[in-house]
């Protein structure tokens, strides 16, 4: 079975480390970056199977990253899962409007994150129809 490549874009070093450890423990290959501009560049170069990212990032926020990737036919297929401390419905709506595929809030519900990733990366999943809510 193919090891899925996950790009984590998270400026909080502790959270990035937790995401990396937990996702690797689930069998994913994980690369982490800590700024929005670096995340966008790596996403374009690396073309990961999925992106897990915060929206509050230095240099380039997560909303802009979503928009730039999802409105580009070369990258639009990459699932983007937002994991953020922003809990307002307006923030969730904005993330989904610019192309995020799922929106989860911190503290991270690890089961929800794993389930969301599995739904998007399952071989039979061509177009996931549900959006995870937290």
Protein backbone atom coordinates (compact mmCIF):
# COMPACT_ATOMS: atom_id res chain seq x y z
CA UNK A 1 0.00 0.00 0.00
CA UNK A 2 1.27 3.45 -0.93
CA UNK A 3 2.47 5.66 1.90
CA UNK A 4 0.57 8.92 1.60
CA UNK A 5 2.53 12.16 1.68
CA UNK A 6 1.15 14.84 4.02
CA UNK A 7 2.33 18.45 4.12
CA UNK A 8 1.76 20.16 7.48
CA UNK A 9 1.83 23.97 7.44
CA UNK A 10 1.86 25.09 11.07
CA UNK A 11 3.84 27.94 12.64
CA UNK A 12 3.59 26.65 16.22
CA UNK A 13 6.59 24.33 16.57
CA UNK A 14 4.99 22.20 19.29
CA UNK A 15 1.80 21.69 17.30
CA UNK A 16 3.76 20.95 14.12
CA UNK A 17 5.79 18.36 16.04
CA UNK A 18 2.63 16.76 17.48
CA UNK A 19 1.00 16.59 14.07
CA UNK A 20 4.13 15.07 12.54
CA UNK A 21 4.54 12.44 15.26
CA UNK A 22 0.89 11.42 15.33
CA UNK A 23 0.49 11.30 11.56
CA UNK A 24 3.70 9.34 11.10
CA UNK A 25 2.47 6.90 13.77
CA UNK A 26 -0.57 6.36 11.51
CA UNK A 27 1.72 5.49 8.60
CA UNK A 28 1.85 8.79 6.73
CA UNK A 29 5.05 10.39 5.42
CA UNK A 30 4.97 13.93 6.82
CA UNK A 31 6.85 17.10 5.98
CA UNK A 32 6.35 20.24 8.06
CA UNK A 33 6.91 23.90 7.26
CA UNK A 34 6.27 26.92 9.46
CA UNK A 35 5.30 29.82 7.24
CA UNK A 36 2.60 30.39 4.70
CA UNK A 37 4.93 31.32 1.85
CA UNK A 38 7.14 28.30 2.51
CA UNK A 39 4.03 26.12 2.70
CA UNK A 40 2.73 27.33 -0.66
CA UNK A 41 6.12 26.79 -2.28
CA UNK A 42 6.46 23.28 -0.81
CA UNK A 43 2.91 22.36 -1.82
CA UNK A 44 3.64 23.35 -5.41
CA UNK A 45 6.97 21.53 -5.45
CA UNK A 46 6.07 18.49 -3.35
CA UNK A 47 2.47 17.95 -4.57
CA UNK A 48 1.46 16.10 -1.40
CA UNK A 49 -1.51 13.75 -1.17
CA UNK A 50 -3.05 16.08 1.44
CA UNK A 51 -2.30 19.29 3.32
CA UNK A 52 -3.03 19.88 7.00
CA UNK A 53 -2.63 23.53 7.91
CA UNK A 54 -3.45 26.37 10.23
CA UNK A 55 -4.96 29.59 8.87
CA UNK A 56 -3.04 31.99 11.09
CA UNK A 57 0.41 31.80 9.53
CA UNK A 58 3.24 34.26 9.06
CA UNK A 59 3.84 35.80 5.62
CA UNK A 60 0.81 34.26 3.89
CA UNK A 61 -2.34 33.13 5.69
CA UNK A 62 -4.05 29.80 5.18
CA UNK A 63 -7.03 31.34 3.40
CA UNK A 64 -4.77 32.71 0.69
CA UNK A 65 -2.92 29.37 0.39
CA UNK A 66 -6.25 27.57 -0.07
CA UNK A 67 -7.35 30.01 -2.72
CA UNK A 68 -4.07 29.90 -4.65
CA UNK A 69 -3.99 26.09 -4.66
CA UNK A 70 -7.68 25.33 -5.16
CA UNK A 71 -8.09 27.78 -8.01
CA UNK A 72 -5.15 26.25 -9.90
CA UNK A 73 -6.04 23.13 -11.90
CA UNK A 74 -2.63 21.61 -11.21
CA UNK A 75 -3.24 21.53 -7.43
CA UNK A 76 -7.02 21.67 -6.98
CA UNK A 77 -7.24 17.93 -6.34
CA UNK A 78 -5.11 18.10 -3.17
CA UNK A 79 -7.35 17.88 -0.08
CA UNK A 80 -6.75 20.72 2.36
CA UNK A 81 -7.70 20.18 5.97
CA UNK A 82 -7.65 23.32 8.07
CA UNK A 83 -6.79 22.81 11.75
CA UNK A 84 -7.11 26.09 13.60
CA UNK A 85 -7.92 27.78 16.89
CA UNK A 86 -10.44 29.98 15.07
CA UNK A 87 -13.85 28.73 16.13
CA UNK A 88 -16.21 31.32 14.65
CA UNK A 89 -18.61 30.14 11.98
CA UNK A 90 -17.49 33.04 9.76
CA UNK A 91 -13.92 31.69 9.80
CA UNK A 92 -15.14 28.20 8.90
CA UNK A 93 -17.33 29.59 6.11
CA UNK A 94 -14.45 31.63 4.70
CA UNK A 95 -12.11 28.62 4.70
CA UNK A 96 -14.66 26.48 2.87
CA UNK A 97 -15.41 29.30 0.44
CA UNK A 98 -11.76 29.58 -0.59
CA UNK A 99 -11.48 25.85 -1.09
CA UNK A 100 -10.66 24.07 2.18
CA UNK A 101 -12.05 20.56 2.10
CA UNK A 102 -12.46 20.24 5.88
CA UNK A 103 -12.30 22.55 8.89
CA UNK A 104 -11.30 21.25 12.32
CA UNK A 105 -10.69 23.29 15.44
CA UNK A 106 -8.03 23.12 18.12
CA UNK A 107 -7.50 21.47 20.46
CA UNK A 108 -7.18 18.77 17.85
CA UNK A 109 -9.68 15.94 17.92
CA UNK A 110 -7.20 13.34 16.70
CA UNK A 111 -9.85 10.77 15.77
CA UNK A 112 -11.64 13.37 13.65
CA UNK A 113 -8.38 14.33 11.93
CA UNK A 114 -7.46 10.70 11.19
CA UNK A 115 -10.96 9.96 9.94
CA UNK A 116 -11.00 13.04 7.73
CA UNK A 117 -7.63 12.15 6.21
CA UNK A 118 -8.71 8.55 5.63
CA UNK A 119 -11.90 9.73 3.91
CA UNK A 120 -9.96 11.91 1.49
CA UNK A 121 -7.15 9.44 0.88
CA UNK A 122 -9.09 6.17 0.64
CA UNK A 123 -8.57 4.51 -2.76
CA UNK A 124 -12.30 4.38 -3.47
CA UNK A 125 -12.82 8.03 -2.53
CA UNK A 126 -12.91 9.96 -5.76
CA UNK A 127 -14.78 13.02 -4.56
CA UNK A 128 -15.52 13.08 -0.82
CA UNK A 129 -18.97 14.52 -0.33
CA UNK A 130 -18.92 15.44 3.35
CA UNK A 131 -17.08 18.17 5.13
CA UNK A 132 -15.87 17.36 8.63
CA UNK A 133 -17.00 19.79 11.29
CA UNK A 134 -15.63 20.22 14.73
